[in-house]
Amino acid sequence: MPKLLVIISSGKEAKEKAKTGVLFAANSIKFGWAEKVEVVFFGASEEMLAEDEEFRQMVVDSFKDYKPLACRFIAESKGISDKLDFVRVEYVGKIINELIDEGFVPLVF
């Protein structure tokens, strides 16, 4: 069974793509399609999480018992860290590399 690293980087210009990534990751967790699933919001998707109520609510509803990651560097540079209290805000560069080293398959939406 694969281990999946779902990176959601699309912003408001590609909101449907980001929503597809959320849906795929949530269903992978819910239905056990993968051994493990890690979700990382990175770049423009973080701004959408902070500013788009519909998208934010979809994420909260989709990941009830799981807290996805968001990039601390991006969040702090955009001044949106305080709006991302429903995700784990961490420096994700090293985390992403470690997950790939552990055999996680990256999927980018």
PDB file of N, CA and C in Angstrom:
ATOM      1  N   MET A   1       0.840  -1.177   0.000  1.00  0.00           N
ATOM      2  CA  MET A   1       0.000   0.000   0.000  1.00  0.00           C
ATOM      3  C   MET A   1       0.887   1.243   0.000  1.00  0.00           C
ATOM      4  N   PRO A   2       0.575   2.230  -0.801  1.00  0.00           N
ATOM      5  CA  PRO A   2       1.429   3.424  -0.875  1.00  0.00           C
ATOM      6  C   PRO A   2       1.276   4.332   0.347  1.00  0.00           C
ATOM      7  N   LYS A   3       2.274   5.167   0.533  1.00  0.00           N
ATOM      8  CA  LYS A   3       2.206   6.268   1.487  1.00  0.00           C
ATOM      9  C   LYS A   3       2.151   7.519   0.611  1.00  0.00           C
ATOM     10  N   LEU A   4       1.183   8.382   0.861  1.00  0.00           N
ATOM     11  CA  LEU A   4       0.960   9.535  -0.014  1.00  0.00           C
ATOM     12  C   LEU A   4       1.299  10.848   0.684  1.00  0.00           C
ATOM     13  N   LEU A   5       1.963  11.706  -0.050  1.00  0.00           N
ATOM     14  CA  LEU A   5       2.229  13.081   0.366  1.00  0.00           C
ATOM     15  C   LEU A   5       1.461  13.978  -0.594  1.00  0.00           C
ATOM     16  N   VAL A   6       0.364  14.538  -0.124  1.00  0.00           N
ATOM     17  CA  VAL A   6      -0.472  15.391  -0.958  1.00  0.00           C
ATOM     18  C   VAL A   6      -0.095  16.842  -0.680  1.00  0.00           C
ATOM     19  N   ILE A   7       0.474  17.499  -1.691  1.00  0.00           N
ATOM     20  CA  ILE A   7       0.881  18.895  -1.577  1.00  0.00           C
ATOM     21  C   ILE A   7      -0.136  19.723  -2.351  1.00  0.00           C
ATOM     22  N   ILE A   8      -0.789  20.624  -1.650  1.00  0.00           N
ATOM     23  CA  ILE A   8      -1.790  21.485  -2.275  1.00  0.00           C
ATOM     24  C   ILE A   8      -1.195  22.885  -2.340  1.00  0.00           C
ATOM     25  N   SER A   9      -0.880  23.309  -3.564  1.00  0.00           N
ATOM     26  CA  SER A   9      -0.216  24.600  -3.741  1.00  0.00           C
ATOM     27  C   SER A   9      -1.021  25.570  -4.606  1.00  0.00           C
ATOM     28  N   SER A  10      -2.101  25.090  -5.195  1.00  0.00           N
ATOM     29  CA  SER A  10      -2.912  25.953  -6.069  1.00  0.00           C
ATOM     30  C   SER A  10      -3.681  26.974  -5.245  1.00  0.00           C
ATOM     31  N   GLY A  11      -3.792  28.170  -5.795  1.00  0.00           N
ATOM     32  CA  GLY A  11      -4.508  29.245  -5.127  1.00  0.00           C
ATOM     33  C   GLY A  11      -5.841  29.530  -5.782  1.00  0.00           C
ATOM     34  N   LYS A  12      -6.337  30.737  -5.548  1.00  0.00           N
ATOM     35  CA  LYS A  12      -7.686  31.082  -5.997  1.00  0.00           C
ATOM     36  C   LYS A  12      -7.871  30.992  -7.503  1.00  0.00           C
ATOM     37  N   GLU A  13      -6.783  31.151  -8.279  1.00  0.00           N
ATOM     38  CA  GLU A  13      -6.906  31.049  -9.734  1.00  0.00           C
ATOM     39  C   GLU A  13      -7.151  29.608 -10.167  1.00  0.00           C
ATOM     40  N   ALA A  14      -6.862  28.655  -9.285  1.00  0.00           N
ATOM     41  CA  ALA A  14      -7.074  27.229  -9.583  1.00  0.00           C
ATOM     42  C   ALA A  14      -7.752  26.560  -8.384  1.00  0.00           C
ATOM     43  N   LYS A  15      -8.762  27.208  -7.861  1.00  0.00           N
ATOM     44  CA  LYS A  15      -9.446  26.730  -6.656  1.00  0.00           C
ATOM     45  C   LYS A  15      -9.987  25.317  -6.823  1.00  0.00           C
ATOM     46  N   GLU A  16     -10.540  25.006  -7.983  1.00  0.00           N
ATOM     47  CA  GLU A  16     -11.097  23.667  -8.205  1.00  0.00           C
ATOM     48  C   GLU A  16     -10.013  22.598  -8.109  1.00  0.00           C
ATOM     49  N   LYS A  17      -8.824  22.911  -8.578  1.00  0.00           N
ATOM     50  CA  LYS A  17      -7.694  21.974  -8.484  1.00  0.00           C
ATOM     51  C   LYS A  17      -7.347  21.732  -7.008  1.00  0.00           C
ATOM     52  N   ALA A  18      -7.302  22.781  -6.220  1.00  0.00           N
ATOM     53  CA  ALA A  18      -7.017  22.656  -4.790  1.00  0.00           C
ATOM     54  C   ALA A  18      -8.108  21.852  -4.090  1.00  0.00           C
ATOM     55  N   LYS A  19      -9.354  22.104  -4.436  1.00  0.00           N
ATOM     56  CA  LYS A  19     -10.461  21.360  -3.840  1.00  0.00           C
ATOM     57  C   LYS A  19     -10.380  19.876  -4.192  1.00  0.00           C
ATOM     58  N   THR A  20      -9.959  19.574  -5.416  1.00  0.00           N
ATOM     59  CA  THR A  20      -9.778  18.182  -5.828  1.00  0.00           C
ATOM     60  C   THR A  20      -8.716  17.505  -4.966  1.00  0.00           C
ATOM     61  N   GLY A  21      -7.629  18.212  -4.693  1.00  0.00           N
ATOM     62  CA  GLY A  21      -6.580  17.671  -3.829  1.00  0.00           C
ATOM     63  C   GLY A  21      -7.072  17.394  -2.418  1.00  0.00           C
ATOM     64  N   VAL A  22      -7.868  18.315  -1.877  1.00  0.00           N
ATOM     65  CA  VAL A  22      -8.436  18.125  -0.536  1.00  0.00           C
ATOM     66  C   VAL A  22      -9.340  16.898  -0.526  1.00  0.00           C
ATOM     67  N   LEU A  23     -10.212  16.799  -1.511  1.00  0.00           N
ATOM     68  CA  LEU A  23     -11.139  15.673  -1.592  1.00  0.00           C
ATOM     69  C   LEU A  23     -10.389  14.341  -1.712  1.00  0.00           C
ATOM     70  N   PHE A  24      -9.390  14.295  -2.602  1.00  0.00           N
ATOM     71  CA  PHE A  24      -8.615  13.070  -2.783  1.00  0.00           C
ATOM     72  C   PHE A  24      -7.908  12.678  -1.486  1.00  0.00           C
ATOM     73  N   ALA A  25      -7.250  13.638  -0.835  1.00  0.00           N
ATOM     74  CA  ALA A  25      -6.525  13.345   0.401  1.00  0.00           C
ATOM     75  C   ALA A  25      -7.478  12.891   1.501  1.00  0.00           C
ATOM     76  N   ALA A  26      -8.591  13.587   1.662  1.00  0.00           N
ATOM     77  CA  ALA A  26      -9.557  13.223   2.704  1.00  0.00           C
ATOM     78  C   ALA A  26     -10.124  11.826   2.475  1.00  0.00           C
ATOM     79  N   ASN A  27     -10.437  11.503   1.237  1.00  0.00           N
ATOM     80  CA  ASN A  27     -10.960  10.170   0.940  1.00  0.00           C
ATOM     81  C   ASN A  27      -9.888   9.100   1.090  1.00  0.00           C
ATOM     82  N   SER A  28      -8.648   9.431   0.779  1.00  0.00           N
ATOM     83  CA  SER A  28      -7.549   8.478   0.969  1.00  0.00           C
ATOM     84  C   SER A  28      -7.409   8.119   2.442  1.00  0.00           C
ATOM     85  N   ILE A  29      -7.587   9.105   3.310  1.00  0.00           N
ATOM     86  CA  ILE A  29      -7.532   8.865   4.753  1.00  0.00           C
ATOM     87  C   ILE A  29      -8.768   8.087   5.192  1.00  0.00           C
ATOM     88  N   LYS A  30      -9.936   8.583   4.807  1.00  0.00           N
ATOM     89  CA  LYS A  30     -11.214   8.008   5.247  1.00  0.00           C
ATOM     90  C   LYS A  30     -11.380   6.550   4.828  1.00  0.00           C
ATOM     91  N   PHE A  31     -11.035   6.239   3.583  1.00  0.00           N
ATOM     92  CA  PHE A  31     -11.286   4.904   3.048  1.00  0.00           C
ATOM     93  C   PHE A  31     -10.050   3.999   3.049  1.00  0.00           C
ATOM     94  N   GLY A  32      -8.953   4.495   3.628  1.00  0.00           N
ATOM     95  CA  GLY A  32      -7.758   3.675   3.746  1.00  0.00           C
ATOM     96  C   GLY A  32      -7.118   3.315   2.416  1.00  0.00           C
ATOM     97  N   TRP A  33      -7.134   4.242   1.470  1.00  0.00           N
ATOM     98  CA  TRP A  33      -6.549   3.992   0.156  1.00  0.00           C
ATOM     99  C   TRP A  33      -5.026   3.970   0.199  1.00  0.00           C
ATOM    100  N   ALA A  34      -4.464   4.416   1.303  1.00  0.00           N
ATOM    101  CA  ALA A  34      -3.009   4.450   1.448  1.00  0.00           C
ATOM    102  C   ALA A  34      -2.659   4.057   2.876  1.00  0.00           C
ATOM    103  N   GLU A  35      -1.444   3.568   3.032  1.00  0.00           N
ATOM    104  CA  GLU A  35      -0.958   3.196   4.366  1.00  0.00           C
ATOM    105  C   GLU A  35      -0.924   4.419   5.279  1.00  0.00           C
ATOM    106  N   LYS A  36      -0.412   5.537   4.749  1.00  0.00           N
ATOM    107  CA  LYS A  36      -0.343   6.809   5.469  1.00  0.00           C
ATOM    108  C   LYS A  36      -0.584   7.921   4.468  1.00  0.00           C
ATOM    109  N   VAL A  37      -1.136   9.027   4.950  1.00  0.00           N
ATOM    110  CA  VAL A  37      -1.351  10.204   4.112  1.00  0.00           C
ATOM    111  C   VAL A  37      -0.907  11.424   4.906  1.00  0.00           C
ATOM    112  N   GLU A  38      -0.072  12.242   4.287  1.00  0.00           N
ATOM    113  CA  GLU A  38       0.289  13.543   4.848  1.00  0.00           C
ATOM    114  C   GLU A  38      -0.156  14.600   3.849  1.00  0.00           C
ATOM    115  N   VAL A  39      -0.712  15.691   4.364  1.00  0.00           N
ATOM    116  CA  VAL A  39      -1.214  16.774   3.517  1.00  0.00           C
ATOM    117  C   VAL A  39      -0.477  18.055   3.889  1.00  0.00           C
ATOM    118  N   VAL A  40       0.024  18.739   2.857  1.00  0.00           N
ATOM    119  CA  VAL A  40       0.753  19.991   3.070  1.00  0.00           C
ATOM    120  C   VAL A  40       0.139  21.077   2.191  1.00  0.00           C
ATOM    121  N   PHE A  41      -0.283  22.165   2.818  1.00  0.00           N
ATOM    122  CA  PHE A  41      -0.698  23.357   2.081  1.00  0.00           C
ATOM    123  C   PHE A  41       0.536  24.232   1.957  1.00  0.00           C
ATOM    124  N   PHE A  42       0.794  24.689   0.723  1.00  0.00           N
ATOM    125  CA  PHE A  42       2.059  25.350   0.441  1.00  0.00           C
ATOM    126  C   PHE A  42       1.793  26.483  -0.543  1.00  0.00           C
ATOM    127  N   GLY A  43       2.310  27.669  -0.237  1.00  0.00           N
ATOM    128  CA  GLY A  43       2.193  28.782  -1.174  1.00  0.00           C
ATOM    129  C   GLY A  43       0.797  29.368  -1.256  1.00  0.00           C
ATOM    130  N   ALA A  44       0.317  29.523  -2.478  1.00  0.00           N
ATOM    131  CA  ALA A  44      -0.959  30.217  -2.728  1.00  0.00           C
ATOM    132  C   ALA A  44      -2.145  29.564  -2.027  1.00  0.00           C
ATOM    133  N   SER A  45      -2.087  28.269  -1.818  1.00  0.00           N
ATOM    134  CA  SER A  45      -3.204  27.601  -1.143  1.00  0.00           C
ATOM    135  C   SER A  45      -3.345  28.082   0.301  1.00  0.00           C
ATOM    136  N   GLU A  46      -2.244  28.488   0.913  1.00  0.00           N
ATOM    137  CA  GLU A  46      -2.299  28.996   2.282  1.00  0.00           C
ATOM    138  C   GLU A  46      -3.067  30.316   2.339  1.00  0.00           C
ATOM    139  N   GLU A  47      -2.826  31.165   1.357  1.00  0.00           N
ATOM    140  CA  GLU A  47      -3.585  32.423   1.297  1.00  0.00           C
ATOM    141  C   GLU A  47      -5.063  32.144   1.112  1.00  0.00           C
ATOM    142  N   MET A  48      -5.375  31.158   0.287  1.00  0.00           N
ATOM    143  CA  MET A  48      -6.775  30.809   0.075  1.00  0.00           C
ATOM    144  C   MET A  48      -7.386  30.270   1.370  1.00  0.00           C
ATOM    145  N   LEU A  49      -6.632  29.487   2.134  1.00  0.00           N
ATOM    146  CA  LEU A  49      -7.120  29.004   3.429  1.00  0.00           C
ATOM    147  C   LEU A  49      -7.444  30.159   4.366  1.00  0.00           C
ATOM    148  N   ALA A  50      -6.621  31.186   4.320  1.00  0.00           N
ATOM    149  CA  ALA A  50      -6.803  32.332   5.212  1.00  0.00           C
ATOM    150  C   ALA A  50      -7.927  33.257   4.767  1.00  0.00           C
ATOM    151  N   GLU A  51      -8.164  33.354   3.457  1.00  0.00           N
ATOM    152  CA  GLU A  51      -9.083  34.373   2.928  1.00  0.00           C
ATOM    153  C   GLU A  51     -10.413  33.853   2.406  1.00  0.00           C
ATOM    154  N   ASP A  52     -10.484  32.593   2.029  1.00  0.00           N
ATOM    155  CA  ASP A  52     -11.678  32.046   1.375  1.00  0.00           C
ATOM    156  C   ASP A  52     -12.439  31.159   2.359  1.00  0.00           C
ATOM    157  N   GLU A  53     -13.535  31.680   2.893  1.00  0.00           N
ATOM    158  CA  GLU A  53     -14.304  30.970   3.915  1.00  0.00           C
ATOM    159  C   GLU A  53     -14.812  29.615   3.422  1.00  0.00           C
ATOM    160  N   GLU A  54     -15.274  29.549   2.182  1.00  0.00           N
ATOM    161  CA  GLU A  54     -15.782  28.281   1.639  1.00  0.00           C
ATOM    162  C   GLU A  54     -14.677  27.220   1.605  1.00  0.00           C
ATOM    163  N   PHE A  55     -13.512  27.598   1.113  1.00  0.00           N
ATOM    164  CA  PHE A  55     -12.398  26.657   1.028  1.00  0.00           C
ATOM    165  C   PHE A  55     -11.944  26.236   2.419  1.00  0.00           C
ATOM    166  N   ARG A  56     -11.815  27.206   3.316  1.00  0.00           N
ATOM    167  CA  ARG A  56     -11.403  26.909   4.690  1.00  0.00           C
ATOM    168  C   ARG A  56     -12.368  25.917   5.339  1.00  0.00           C
ATOM    169  N   GLN A  57     -13.671  26.150   5.172  1.00  0.00           N
ATOM    170  CA  GLN A  57     -14.664  25.262   5.782  1.00  0.00           C
ATOM    171  C   GLN A  57     -14.602  23.867   5.176  1.00  0.00           C
ATOM    172  N   MET A  58     -14.350  23.786   3.863  1.00  0.00           N
ATOM    173  CA  MET A  58     -14.205  22.482   3.220  1.00  0.00           C
ATOM    174  C   MET A  58     -13.040  21.710   3.848  1.00  0.00           C
ATOM    175  N   VAL A  59     -11.929  22.393   4.087  1.00  0.00           N
ATOM    176  CA  VAL A  59     -10.759  21.758   4.682  1.00  0.00           C
ATOM    177  C   VAL A  59     -11.068  21.300   6.105  1.00  0.00           C
ATOM    178  N   VAL A  60     -11.670  22.160   6.896  1.00  0.00           N
ATOM    179  CA  VAL A  60     -12.021  21.804   8.279  1.00  0.00           C
ATOM    180  C   VAL A  60     -12.954  20.594   8.288  1.00  0.00           C
ATOM    181  N   ASP A  61     -13.976  20.611   7.438  1.00  0.00           N
ATOM    182  CA  ASP A  61     -14.943  19.511   7.387  1.00  0.00           C
ATOM    183  C   ASP A  61     -14.321  18.220   6.857  1.00  0.00           C
ATOM    184  N   SER A  62     -13.383  18.327   5.937  1.00  0.00           N
ATOM    185  CA  SER A  62     -12.784  17.152   5.300  1.00  0.00           C
ATOM    186  C   SER A  62     -11.795  16.427   6.201  1.00  0.00           C
ATOM    187  N   PHE A  63     -11.106  17.179   7.056  1.00  0.00           N
ATOM    188  CA  PHE A  63     -10.060  16.585   7.890  1.00  0.00           C
ATOM    189  C   PHE A  63     -10.427  16.709   9.363  1.00  0.00           C
ATOM    190  N   LYS A  64     -11.487  16.056   9.750  1.00  0.00           N
ATOM    191  CA  LYS A  64     -11.993  16.178  11.116  1.00  0.00           C
ATOM    192  C   LYS A  64     -10.968  15.787  12.187  1.00  0.00           C
ATOM    193  N   ASP A  65     -10.384  14.609  12.088  1.00  0.00           N
ATOM    194  CA  ASP A  65      -9.456  14.124  13.103  1.00  0.00           C
ATOM    195  C   ASP A  65      -7.998  14.244  12.677  1.00  0.00           C
ATOM    196  N   TYR A  66      -7.742  14.938  11.594  1.00  0.00           N
ATOM    197  CA  TYR A  66      -6.388  15.079  11.061  1.00  0.00           C
ATOM    198  C   TYR A  66      -6.113  16.555  10.844  1.00  0.00           C
ATOM    199  N   LYS A  67      -4.937  17.008  11.260  1.00  0.00           N
ATOM    200  CA  LYS A  67      -4.534  18.400  11.037  1.00  0.00           C
ATOM    201  C   LYS A  67      -3.460  18.435   9.967  1.00  0.00           C
ATOM    202  N   PRO A  68      -3.785  18.955   8.778  1.00  0.00           N
ATOM    203  CA  PRO A  68      -2.775  19.075   7.725  1.00  0.00           C
ATOM    204  C   PRO A  68      -1.691  20.083   8.133  1.00  0.00           C
ATOM    205  N   LEU A  69      -0.624  20.090   7.358  1.00  0.00           N
ATOM    206  CA  LEU A  69       0.473  21.029   7.559  1.00  0.00           C
ATOM    207  C   LEU A  69       0.313  22.245   6.655  1.00  0.00           C
ATOM    208  N   ALA A  70       0.856  23.360   7.086  1.00  0.00           N
ATOM    209  CA  ALA A  70       0.999  24.544   6.246  1.00  0.00           C
ATOM    210  C   ALA A  70       2.386  25.112   6.510  1.00  0.00           C
ATOM    211  N   CYS A  71       2.961  25.758   5.524  1.00  0.00           N
ATOM    212  CA  CYS A  71       4.327  26.258   5.609  1.00  0.00           C
ATOM    213  C   CYS A  71       4.413  27.525   6.474  1.00  0.00           C
ATOM    214  N   ARG A  72       5.189  27.431   7.538  1.00  0.00           N
ATOM    215  CA  ARG A  72       5.371  28.575   8.436  1.00  0.00           C
ATOM    216  C   ARG A  72       6.026  29.760   7.727  1.00  0.00           C
ATOM    217  N   PHE A  73       7.030  29.510   6.900  1.00  0.00           N
ATOM    218  CA  PHE A  73       7.720  30.597   6.208  1.00  0.00           C
ATOM    219  C   PHE A  73       6.743  31.408   5.359  1.00  0.00           C
ATOM    220  N   ILE A  74       5.927  30.715   4.575  1.00  0.00           N
ATOM    221  CA  ILE A  74       4.940  31.401   3.722  1.00  0.00           C
ATOM    222  C   ILE A  74       3.921  32.137   4.592  1.00  0.00           C
ATOM    223  N   ALA A  75       3.394  31.443   5.598  1.00  0.00           N
ATOM    224  CA  ALA A  75       2.361  32.035   6.455  1.00  0.00           C
ATOM    225  C   ALA A  75       2.868  33.300   7.143  1.00  0.00           C
ATOM    226  N   GLU A  76       4.082  33.244   7.654  1.00  0.00           N
ATOM    227  CA  GLU A  76       4.630  34.418   8.341  1.00  0.00           C
ATOM    228  C   GLU A  76       4.940  35.539   7.359  1.00  0.00           C
ATOM    229  N   SER A  77       5.476  35.196   6.186  1.00  0.00           N
ATOM    230  CA  SER A  77       5.810  36.239   5.215  1.00  0.00           C
ATOM    231  C   SER A  77       4.560  36.925   4.664  1.00  0.00           C
ATOM    232  N   LYS A  78       3.440  36.213   4.642  1.00  0.00           N
ATOM    233  CA  LYS A  78       2.175  36.800   4.172  1.00  0.00           C
ATOM    234  C   LYS A  78       1.343  37.383   5.313  1.00  0.00           C
ATOM    235  N   GLY A  79       1.800  37.195   6.550  1.00  0.00           N
ATOM    236  CA  GLY A  79       1.077  37.724   7.709  1.00  0.00           C
ATOM    237  C   GLY A  79      -0.248  37.027   7.971  1.00  0.00           C
ATOM    238  N   ILE A  80      -0.303  35.721   7.701  1.00  0.00           N
ATOM    239  CA  ILE A  80      -1.572  35.000   7.847  1.00  0.00           C
ATOM    240  C   ILE A  80      -1.507  33.862   8.870  1.00  0.00           C
ATOM    241  N   SER A  81      -0.435  33.747   9.605  1.00  0.00           N
ATOM    242  CA  SER A  81      -0.270  32.642  10.562  1.00  0.00           C
ATOM    243  C   SER A  81      -1.434  32.541  11.532  1.00  0.00           C
ATOM    244  N   ASP A  82      -1.906  33.679  12.019  1.00  0.00           N
ATOM    245  CA  ASP A  82      -2.984  33.670  13.013  1.00  0.00           C
ATOM    246  C   ASP A  82      -4.310  33.171  12.439  1.00  0.00           C
ATOM    247  N   LYS A  83      -4.450  33.163  11.125  1.00  0.00           N
ATOM    248  CA  LYS A  83      -5.683  32.686  10.488  1.00  0.00           C
ATOM    249  C   LYS A  83      -5.630  31.197  10.151  1.00  0.00           C
ATOM    250  N   LEU A  84      -4.504  30.554  10.472  1.00  0.00           N
ATOM    251  CA  LEU A  84      -4.319  29.148  10.122  1.00  0.00           C
ATOM    252  C   LEU A  84      -4.243  28.268  11.370  1.00  0.00           C
ATOM    253  N   ASP A  85      -5.036  28.591  12.384  1.00  0.00           N
ATOM    254  CA  ASP A  85      -4.974  27.853  13.641  1.00  0.00           C
ATOM    255  C   ASP A  85      -5.579  26.450  13.565  1.00  0.00           C
ATOM    256  N   PHE A  86      -6.201  26.101  12.470  1.00  0.00           N
ATOM    257  CA  PHE A  86      -6.832  24.790  12.304  1.00  0.00           C
ATOM    258  C   PHE A  86      -5.919  23.810  11.567  1.00  0.00           C
ATOM    259  N   VAL A  87      -4.688  24.244  11.235  1.00  0.00           N
ATOM    260  CA  VAL A  87      -3.674  23.384  10.626  1.00  0.00           C
ATOM    261  C   VAL A  87      -2.397  23.479  11.452  1.00  0.00           C
ATOM    262  N   ARG A  88      -1.452  22.571  11.201  1.00  0.00           N
ATOM    263  CA  ARG A  88      -0.148  22.620  11.861  1.00  0.00           C
ATOM    264  C   ARG A  88       0.760  23.508  11.013  1.00  0.00           C
ATOM    265  N   VAL A  89       1.152  24.645  11.532  1.00  0.00           N
ATOM    266  CA  VAL A  89       2.005  25.574  10.795  1.00  0.00           C
ATOM    267  C   VAL A  89       3.458  25.301  11.195  1.00  0.00           C
ATOM    268  N   GLU A  90       4.221  24.745  10.255  1.00  0.00           N
ATOM    269  CA  GLU A  90       5.607  24.354  10.508  1.00  0.00           C
ATOM    270  C   GLU A  90       6.445  24.656   9.266  1.00  0.00           C
ATOM    271  N   TYR A  91       7.744  24.709   9.451  1.00  0.00           N
ATOM    272  CA  TYR A  91       8.639  24.809   8.300  1.00  0.00           C
ATOM    273  C   TYR A  91       8.591  23.454   7.591  1.00  0.00           C
ATOM    274  N   VAL A  92       8.125  23.421   6.363  1.00  0.00           N
ATOM    275  CA  VAL A  92       7.805  22.140   5.726  1.00  0.00           C
ATOM    276  C   VAL A  92       8.857  21.628   4.749  1.00  0.00           C
ATOM    277  N   GLY A  93       9.830  22.427   4.373  1.00  0.00           N
ATOM    278  CA  GLY A  93      10.823  21.977   3.400  1.00  0.00           C
ATOM    279  C   GLY A  93      11.509  20.695   3.827  1.00  0.00           C
ATOM    280  N   LYS A  94      12.042  20.686   5.025  1.00  0.00           N
ATOM    281  CA  LYS A  94      12.733  19.497   5.541  1.00  0.00           C
ATOM    282  C   LYS A  94      11.746  18.347   5.722  1.00  0.00           C
ATOM    283  N   ILE A  95      10.550  18.643   6.192  1.00  0.00           N
ATOM    284  CA  ILE A  95       9.526  17.613   6.401  1.00  0.00           C
ATOM    285  C   ILE A  95       9.184  16.928   5.077  1.00  0.00           C
ATOM    286  N   ILE A  96       8.997  17.715   4.032  1.00  0.00           N
ATOM    287  CA  ILE A  96       8.681  17.149   2.715  1.00  0.00           C
ATOM    288  C   ILE A  96       9.805  16.223   2.255  1.00  0.00           C
ATOM    289  N   ASN A  97      11.039  16.667   2.386  1.00  0.00           N
ATOM    290  CA  ASN A  97      12.176  15.835   1.985  1.00  0.00           C
ATOM    291  C   ASN A  97      12.251  14.545   2.801  1.00  0.00           C
ATOM    292  N   GLU A  98      12.019  14.639   4.088  1.00  0.00           N
ATOM    293  CA  GLU A  98      12.049  13.443   4.939  1.00  0.00           C
ATOM    294  C   GLU A  98      10.949  12.456   4.549  1.00  0.00           C
ATOM    295  N   LEU A  99       9.758  12.972   4.262  1.00  0.00           N
ATOM    296  CA  LEU A  99       8.653  12.092   3.868  1.00  0.00           C
ATOM    297  C   LEU A  99       8.967  11.374   2.552  1.00  0.00           C
ATOM    298  N   ILE A 100       9.549  12.088   1.608  1.00  0.00           N
ATOM    299  CA  ILE A 100       9.933  11.459   0.340  1.00  0.00           C
ATOM    300  C   ILE A 100      11.006  10.395   0.599  1.00  0.00           C
ATOM    301  N   ASP A 101      11.966  10.701   1.476  1.00  0.00           N
ATOM    302  CA  ASP A 101      12.997   9.716   1.837  1.00  0.00           C
ATOM    303  C   ASP A 101      12.375   8.470   2.475  1.00  0.00           C
ATOM    304  N   GLU A 102      11.257   8.645   3.187  1.00  0.00           N
ATOM    305  CA  GLU A 102      10.565   7.535   3.840  1.00  0.00           C
ATOM    306  C   GLU A 102       9.674   6.755   2.858  1.00  0.00           C
ATOM    307  N   GLY A 103       9.662   7.166   1.597  1.00  0.00           N
ATOM    308  CA  GLY A 103       8.889   6.433   0.596  1.00  0.00           C
ATOM    309  C   GLY A 103       7.525   6.996   0.285  1.00  0.00           C
ATOM    310  N   PHE A 104       7.214   8.172   0.793  1.00  0.00           N
ATOM    311  CA  PHE A 104       5.933   8.799   0.452  1.00  0.00           C
ATOM    312  C   PHE A 104       5.961   9.238  -1.012  1.00  0.00           C
ATOM    313  N   VAL A 105       4.864   9.011  -1.698  1.00  0.00           N
ATOM    314  CA  VAL A 105       4.733   9.406  -3.101  1.00  0.00           C
ATOM    315  C   VAL A 105       4.100  10.793  -3.130  1.00  0.00           C
ATOM    316  N   PRO A 106       4.808  11.794  -3.684  1.00  0.00           N
ATOM    317  CA  PRO A 106       4.241  13.142  -3.726  1.00  0.00           C
ATOM    318  C   PRO A 106       3.230  13.306  -4.867  1.00  0.00           C
ATOM    319  N   LEU A 107       2.096  13.886  -4.527  1.00  0.00           N
ATOM    320  CA  LEU A 107       1.071  14.266  -5.490  1.00  0.00           C
ATOM    321  C   LEU A 107       0.816  15.755  -5.281  1.00  0.00           C
ATOM    322  N   VAL A 108       0.878  16.525  -6.347  1.00  0.00           N
ATOM    323  CA  VAL A 108       0.754  17.978  -6.222  1.00  0.00           C
ATOM    324  C   VAL A 108      -0.501  18.451  -6.929  1.00  0.00           C
ATOM    325  N   PHE A 109      -1.308  19.201  -6.188  1.00  0.00           N
ATOM    326  CA  PHE A 109      -2.548  19.751  -6.732  1.00  0.00           C
ATOM    327  C   PHE A 109      -2.476  21.272  -6.681  1.00  0.00           C
TER     328      PHE A 109
END
